[in-house]
Amino acid sequence: MSWDKNRPTMTTERVFLLVQRQGKYRAILISVTNPGESPADLRPQDLIDAALKQAGATLDSTALDGA
């Protein structure tokens, strides 16, 4: 159910990544929004490799230690 009856319901999924680019740590946000209450067929996780390649970055593997 939408918080505003005049606006359609949207479902948003987000992934935050800690990456290294040119020796510095940065964050990347990947977000996928789908109309309705169900998640989209395409998940943010499906876009991680493409986002890293486009940013010229590598995933900081220490960020995965707590996962």
PDB file of N, CA and C in Angstrom:
ATOM      1  N   MET A   1       0.843  -1.183   0.000  1.00  0.00           N
ATOM      2  CA  MET A   1       0.000   0.000   0.000  1.00  0.00           C
ATOM      3  C   MET A   1       0.881   1.238   0.000  1.00  0.00           C
ATOM      4  N   SER A   2       0.545   2.181  -0.845  1.00  0.00           N
ATOM      5  CA  SER A   2       1.314   3.409  -0.961  1.00  0.00           C
ATOM      6  C   SER A   2       1.033   4.340   0.212  1.00  0.00           C
ATOM      7  N   TRP A   3       2.062   5.065   0.625  1.00  0.00           N
ATOM      8  CA  TRP A   3       1.888   6.024   1.720  1.00  0.00           C
ATOM      9  C   TRP A   3       1.027   7.197   1.289  1.00  0.00           C
ATOM     10  N   ASP A   4       0.950   7.433  -0.007  1.00  0.00           N
ATOM     11  CA  ASP A   4       0.135   8.509  -0.568  1.00  0.00           C
ATOM     12  C   ASP A   4      -0.801   7.871  -1.588  1.00  0.00           C
ATOM     13  N   LYS A   5      -2.089   7.958  -1.361  1.00  0.00           N
ATOM     14  CA  LYS A   5      -3.054   7.295  -2.240  1.00  0.00           C
ATOM     15  C   LYS A   5      -3.019   7.818  -3.674  1.00  0.00           C
ATOM     16  N   ASN A   6      -2.425   9.000  -3.888  1.00  0.00           N
ATOM     17  CA  ASN A   6      -2.349   9.572  -5.228  1.00  0.00           C
ATOM     18  C   ASN A   6      -1.098   9.128  -5.984  1.00  0.00           C
ATOM     19  N   ARG A   7      -0.215   8.388  -5.318  1.00  0.00           N
ATOM     20  CA  ARG A   7       1.013   7.917  -5.956  1.00  0.00           C
ATOM     21  C   ARG A   7       1.023   6.394  -6.001  1.00  0.00           C
ATOM     22  N   PRO A   8       1.569   5.839  -7.074  1.00  0.00           N
ATOM     23  CA  PRO A   8       1.629   4.372  -7.149  1.00  0.00           C
ATOM     24  C   PRO A   8       2.669   3.811  -6.170  1.00  0.00           C
ATOM     25  N   THR A   9       2.458   2.583  -5.764  1.00  0.00           N
ATOM     26  CA  THR A   9       3.408   1.897  -4.892  1.00  0.00           C
ATOM     27  C   THR A   9       4.637   1.512  -5.696  1.00  0.00           C
ATOM     28  N   MET A  10       5.817   1.707  -5.107  1.00  0.00           N
ATOM     29  CA  MET A  10       7.083   1.349  -5.736  1.00  0.00           C
ATOM     30  C   MET A  10       7.885   0.505  -4.744  1.00  0.00           C
ATOM     31  N   THR A  11       8.601  -0.476  -5.244  1.00  0.00           N
ATOM     32  CA  THR A  11       9.488  -1.292  -4.414  1.00  0.00           C
ATOM     33  C   THR A  11      10.917  -1.003  -4.854  1.00  0.00           C
ATOM     34  N   THR A  12      11.763  -0.623  -3.899  1.00  0.00           N
ATOM     35  CA  THR A  12      13.152  -0.294  -4.199  1.00  0.00           C
ATOM     36  C   THR A  12      14.071  -1.219  -3.418  1.00  0.00           C
ATOM     37  N   GLU A  13      15.059  -1.773  -4.114  1.00  0.00           N
ATOM     38  CA  GLU A  13      16.091  -2.591  -3.485  1.00  0.00           C
ATOM     39  C   GLU A  13      17.418  -1.875  -3.702  1.00  0.00           C
ATOM     40  N   ARG A  14      18.262  -1.836  -2.650  1.00  0.00           N
ATOM     41  CA  ARG A  14      19.544  -1.138  -2.745  1.00  0.00           C
ATOM     42  C   ARG A  14      20.665  -2.013  -2.215  1.00  0.00           C
ATOM     43  N   VAL A  15      21.845  -1.833  -2.815  1.00  0.00           N
ATOM     44  CA  VAL A  15      23.061  -2.479  -2.351  1.00  0.00           C
ATOM     45  C   VAL A  15      24.124  -1.388  -2.244  1.00  0.00           C
ATOM     46  N   PHE A  16      24.808  -1.330  -1.100  1.00  0.00           N
ATOM     47  CA  PHE A  16      25.917  -0.407  -0.918  1.00  0.00           C
ATOM     48  C   PHE A  16      27.206  -1.223  -0.936  1.00  0.00           C
ATOM     49  N   LEU A  17      28.191  -0.786  -1.729  1.00  0.00           N
ATOM     50  CA  LEU A  17      29.450  -1.498  -1.852  1.00  0.00           C
ATOM     51  C   LEU A  17      30.597  -0.601  -1.423  1.00  0.00           C
ATOM     52  N   LEU A  18      31.543  -1.141  -0.679  1.00  0.00           N
ATOM     53  CA  LEU A  18      32.793  -0.455  -0.383  1.00  0.00           C
ATOM     54  C   LEU A  18      33.798  -0.950  -1.402  1.00  0.00           C
ATOM     55  N   VAL A  19      34.332  -0.043  -2.214  1.00  0.00           N
ATOM     56  CA  VAL A  19      35.248  -0.420  -3.289  1.00  0.00           C
ATOM     57  C   VAL A  19      36.543   0.363  -3.175  1.00  0.00           C
ATOM     58  N   GLN A  20      37.541  -0.131  -3.893  1.00  0.00           N
ATOM     59  CA  GLN A  20      38.813   0.557  -3.980  1.00  0.00           C
ATOM     60  C   GLN A  20      39.013   1.004  -5.412  1.00  0.00           C
ATOM     61  N   ARG A  21      39.318   2.288  -5.582  1.00  0.00           N
ATOM     62  CA  ARG A  21      39.563   2.839  -6.916  1.00  0.00           C
ATOM     63  C   ARG A  21      40.752   3.776  -6.815  1.00  0.00           C
ATOM     64  N   GLN A  22      41.765   3.495  -7.595  1.00  0.00           N
ATOM     65  CA  GLN A  22      42.996   4.279  -7.587  1.00  0.00           C
ATOM     66  C   GLN A  22      43.567   4.402  -6.177  1.00  0.00           C
ATOM     67  N   GLY A  23      43.514   3.295  -5.444  1.00  0.00           N
ATOM     68  CA  GLY A  23      44.089   3.241  -4.102  1.00  0.00           C
ATOM     69  C   GLY A  23      43.261   3.898  -3.009  1.00  0.00           C
ATOM     70  N   LYS A  24      42.096   4.416  -3.345  1.00  0.00           N
ATOM     71  CA  LYS A  24      41.245   5.084  -2.349  1.00  0.00           C
ATOM     72  C   LYS A  24      39.932   4.318  -2.205  1.00  0.00           C
ATOM     73  N   TYR A  25      39.401   4.337  -0.985  1.00  0.00           N
ATOM     74  CA  TYR A  25      38.116   3.689  -0.732  1.00  0.00           C
ATOM     75  C   TYR A  25      36.975   4.616  -1.102  1.00  0.00           C
ATOM     76  N   ARG A  26      35.987   4.047  -1.749  1.00  0.00           N
ATOM     77  CA  ARG A  26      34.789   4.776  -2.166  1.00  0.00           C
ATOM     78  C   ARG A  26      33.577   3.881  -1.916  1.00  0.00           C
ATOM     79  N   ALA A  27      32.416   4.480  -2.018  1.00  0.00           N
ATOM     80  CA  ALA A  27      31.175   3.711  -1.898  1.00  0.00           C
ATOM     81  C   ALA A  27      30.412   3.796  -3.220  1.00  0.00           C
ATOM     82  N   ILE A  28      29.779   2.707  -3.573  1.00  0.00           N
ATOM     83  CA  ILE A  28      28.904   2.663  -4.739  1.00  0.00           C
ATOM     84  C   ILE A  28      27.527   2.227  -4.250  1.00  0.00           C
ATOM     85  N   LEU A  29      26.522   2.919  -4.706  1.00  0.00           N
ATOM     86  CA  LEU A  29      25.135   2.553  -4.423  1.00  0.00           C
ATOM     87  C   LEU A  29      24.521   2.048  -5.718  1.00  0.00           C
ATOM     88  N   ILE A  30      23.949   0.848  -5.662  1.00  0.00           N
ATOM     89  CA  ILE A  30      23.208   0.295  -6.796  1.00  0.00           C
ATOM     90  C   ILE A  30      21.763   0.151  -6.338  1.00  0.00           C
ATOM     91  N   SER A  31      20.857   0.701  -7.128  1.00  0.00           N
ATOM     92  CA  SER A  31      19.448   0.710  -6.741  1.00  0.00           C
ATOM     93  C   SER A  31      18.582   0.268  -7.918  1.00  0.00           C
ATOM     94  N   VAL A  32      17.580  -0.546  -7.620  1.00  0.00           N
ATOM     95  CA  VAL A  32      16.611  -0.990  -8.628  1.00  0.00           C
ATOM     96  C   VAL A  32      15.219  -0.713  -8.070  1.00  0.00           C
ATOM     97  N   THR A  33      14.401  -0.005  -8.840  1.00  0.00           N
ATOM     98  CA  THR A  33      13.038   0.321  -8.419  1.00  0.00           C
ATOM     99  C   THR A  33      12.051  -0.323  -9.380  1.00  0.00           C
ATOM    100  N   ASN A  34      11.022  -0.922  -8.817  1.00  0.00           N
ATOM    101  CA  ASN A  34      10.011  -1.620  -9.600  1.00  0.00           C
ATOM    102  C   ASN A  34       8.631  -1.098  -9.196  1.00  0.00           C
ATOM    103  N   PRO A  35       7.766  -0.808 -10.158  1.00  0.00           N
ATOM    104  CA  PRO A  35       6.404  -0.419  -9.793  1.00  0.00           C
ATOM    105  C   PRO A  35       5.690  -1.588  -9.121  1.00  0.00           C
ATOM    106  N   GLY A  36       4.952  -1.311  -8.092  1.00  0.00           N
ATOM    107  CA  GLY A  36       4.198  -2.342  -7.385  1.00  0.00           C
ATOM    108  C   GLY A  36       4.862  -2.744  -6.087  1.00  0.00           C
ATOM    109  N   GLU A  37       4.307  -3.773  -5.461  1.00  0.00           N
ATOM    110  CA  GLU A  37       4.795  -4.220  -4.158  1.00  0.00           C
ATOM    111  C   GLU A  37       5.781  -5.370  -4.248  1.00  0.00           C
ATOM    112  N   SER A  38       6.055  -5.865  -5.452  1.00  0.00           N
ATOM    113  CA  SER A  38       6.977  -6.985  -5.622  1.00  0.00           C
ATOM    114  C   SER A  38       8.327  -6.489  -6.110  1.00  0.00           C
ATOM    115  N   PRO A  39       9.403  -7.170  -5.702  1.00  0.00           N
ATOM    116  CA  PRO A  39      10.723  -6.806  -6.213  1.00  0.00           C
ATOM    117  C   PRO A  39      10.808  -7.034  -7.721  1.00  0.00           C
ATOM    118  N   ALA A  40      11.708  -6.309  -8.362  1.00  0.00           N
ATOM    119  CA  ALA A  40      11.911  -6.452  -9.803  1.00  0.00           C
ATOM    120  C   ALA A  40      12.572  -7.787 -10.116  1.00  0.00           C
ATOM    121  N   ASP A  41      12.459  -8.230 -11.364  1.00  0.00           N
ATOM    122  CA  ASP A  41      13.151  -9.445 -11.800  1.00  0.00           C
ATOM    123  C   ASP A  41      14.660  -9.248 -11.748  1.00  0.00           C
ATOM    124  N   LEU A  42      15.115  -8.023 -12.018  1.00  0.00           N
ATOM    125  CA  LEU A  42      16.529  -7.682 -11.978  1.00  0.00           C
ATOM    126  C   LEU A  42      16.859  -7.157 -10.582  1.00  0.00           C
ATOM    127  N   ARG A  43      17.793  -7.824  -9.911  1.00  0.00           N
ATOM    128  CA  ARG A  43      18.159  -7.423  -8.552  1.00  0.00           C
ATOM    129  C   ARG A  43      19.414  -6.555  -8.588  1.00  0.00           C
ATOM    130  N   PRO A  44      19.629  -5.700  -7.581  1.00  0.00           N
ATOM    131  CA  PRO A  44      20.853  -4.909  -7.543  1.00  0.00           C
ATOM    132  C   PRO A  44      22.101  -5.789  -7.601  1.00  0.00           C
ATOM    133  N   GLN A  45      22.059  -6.966  -6.984  1.00  0.00           N
ATOM    134  CA  GLN A  45      23.203  -7.872  -6.993  1.00  0.00           C
ATOM    135  C   GLN A  45      23.581  -8.292  -8.411  1.00  0.00           C
ATOM    136  N   ASP A  46      22.586  -8.321  -9.314  1.00  0.00           N
ATOM    137  CA  ASP A  46      22.838  -8.697 -10.698  1.00  0.00           C
ATOM    138  C   ASP A  46      23.666  -7.642 -11.434  1.00  0.00           C
ATOM    139  N   LEU A  47      23.745  -6.448 -10.875  1.00  0.00           N
ATOM    140  CA  LEU A  47      24.420  -5.330 -11.537  1.00  0.00           C
ATOM    141  C   LEU A  47      25.801  -5.029 -10.963  1.00  0.00           C
ATOM    142  N   ILE A  48      26.236  -5.772  -9.946  1.00  0.00           N
ATOM    143  CA  ILE A  48      27.494  -5.463  -9.266  1.00  0.00           C
ATOM    144  C   ILE A  48      28.686  -5.516 -10.219  1.00  0.00           C
ATOM    145  N   ASP A  49      28.851  -6.579 -10.978  1.00  0.00           N
ATOM    146  CA  ASP A  49      30.005  -6.697 -11.866  1.00  0.00           C
ATOM    147  C   ASP A  49      30.059  -5.557 -12.881  1.00  0.00           C
ATOM    148  N   ALA A  50      28.923  -5.228 -13.463  1.00  0.00           N
ATOM    149  CA  ALA A  50      28.884  -4.139 -14.449  1.00  0.00           C
ATOM    150  C   ALA A  50      29.217  -2.797 -13.800  1.00  0.00           C
ATOM    151  N   ALA A  51      28.721  -2.561 -12.593  1.00  0.00           N
ATOM    152  CA  ALA A  51      29.000  -1.296 -11.895  1.00  0.00           C
ATOM    153  C   ALA A  51      30.476  -1.176 -11.549  1.00  0.00           C
ATOM    154  N   LEU A  52      31.082  -2.271 -11.081  1.00  0.00           N
ATOM    155  CA  LEU A  52      32.511  -2.252 -10.751  1.00  0.00           C
ATOM    156  C   LEU A  52      33.345  -1.985 -11.994  1.00  0.00           C
ATOM    157  N   LYS A  53      32.992  -2.630 -13.096  1.00  0.00           N
ATOM    158  CA  LYS A  53      33.738  -2.452 -14.345  1.00  0.00           C
ATOM    159  C   LYS A  53      33.627  -1.004 -14.820  1.00  0.00           C
ATOM    160  N   GLN A  54      32.416  -0.452 -14.785  1.00  0.00           N
ATOM    161  CA  GLN A  54      32.199   0.916 -15.243  1.00  0.00           C
ATOM    162  C   GLN A  54      32.954   1.914 -14.362  1.00  0.00           C
ATOM    163  N   ALA A  55      33.035   1.650 -13.057  1.00  0.00           N
ATOM    164  CA  ALA A  55      33.721   2.549 -12.127  1.00  0.00           C
ATOM    165  C   ALA A  55      35.230   2.334 -12.120  1.00  0.00           C
ATOM    166  N   GLY A  56      35.693   1.257 -12.745  1.00  0.00           N
ATOM    167  CA  GLY A  56      37.115   0.942 -12.702  1.00  0.00           C
ATOM    168  C   GLY A  56      37.549   0.624 -11.282  1.00  0.00           C
ATOM    169  N   ALA A  57      36.691  -0.051 -10.543  1.00  0.00           N
ATOM    170  CA  ALA A  57      36.913  -0.312  -9.123  1.00  0.00           C
ATOM    171  C   ALA A  57      36.928  -1.807  -8.843  1.00  0.00           C
ATOM    172  N   THR A  58      37.454  -2.169  -7.686  1.00  0.00           N
ATOM    173  CA  THR A  58      37.409  -3.554  -7.224  1.00  0.00           C
ATOM    174  C   THR A  58      36.707  -3.586  -5.873  1.00  0.00           C
ATOM    175  N   LEU A  59      35.995  -4.652  -5.644  1.00  0.00           N
ATOM    176  CA  LEU A  59      35.284  -4.823  -4.386  1.00  0.00           C
ATOM    177  C   LEU A  59      36.273  -5.046  -3.268  1.00  0.00           C
ATOM    178  N   ASP A  60      36.107  -4.344  -2.147  1.00  0.00           N
ATOM    179  CA  ASP A  60      36.962  -4.521  -0.988  1.00  0.00           C
ATOM    180  C   ASP A  60      36.520  -5.797  -0.282  1.00  0.00           C
ATOM    181  N   SER A  61      37.329  -6.847  -0.376  1.00  0.00           N
ATOM    182  CA  SER A  61      36.930  -8.141   0.161  1.00  0.00           C
ATOM    183  C   SER A  61      36.788  -8.119   1.679  1.00  0.00           C
ATOM    184  N   THR A  62      37.417  -7.191   2.368  1.00  0.00           N
ATOM    185  CA  THR A  62      37.252  -7.104   3.824  1.00  0.00           C
ATOM    186  C   THR A  62      35.837  -6.686   4.189  1.00  0.00           C
ATOM    187  N   ALA A  63      35.144  -6.056   3.259  1.00  0.00           N
ATOM    188  CA  ALA A  63      33.760  -5.655   3.517  1.00  0.00           C
ATOM    189  C   ALA A  63      32.845  -6.869   3.575  1.00  0.00           C
ATOM    190  N   LEU A  64      33.295  -7.992   3.036  1.00  0.00           N
ATOM    191  CA  LEU A  64      32.490  -9.204   3.027  1.00  0.00           C
ATOM    192  C   LEU A  64      32.675 -10.047   4.280  1.00  0.00           C
ATOM    193  N   ASP A  65      33.654  -9.696   5.123  1.00  0.00           N
ATOM    194  CA  ASP A  65      33.938 -10.494   6.309  1.00  0.00           C
ATOM    195  C   ASP A  65      32.753 -10.621   7.249  1.00  0.00           C
ATOM    196  N   GLY A  66      31.952  -9.568   7.369  1.00  0.00           N
ATOM    197  CA  GLY A  66      30.819  -9.597   8.292  1.00  0.00           C
ATOM    198  C   GLY A  66      29.561 -10.150   7.681  1.00  0.00           C
ATOM    199  N   ALA A  67      29.608 -10.511   6.409  1.00  0.00           N
ATOM    200  CA  ALA A  67      28.399 -10.987   5.724  1.00  0.00           C
ATOM    201  C   ALA A  67      28.099 -12.416   6.064  1.00  0.00           C
TER     202      ALA A  67
END
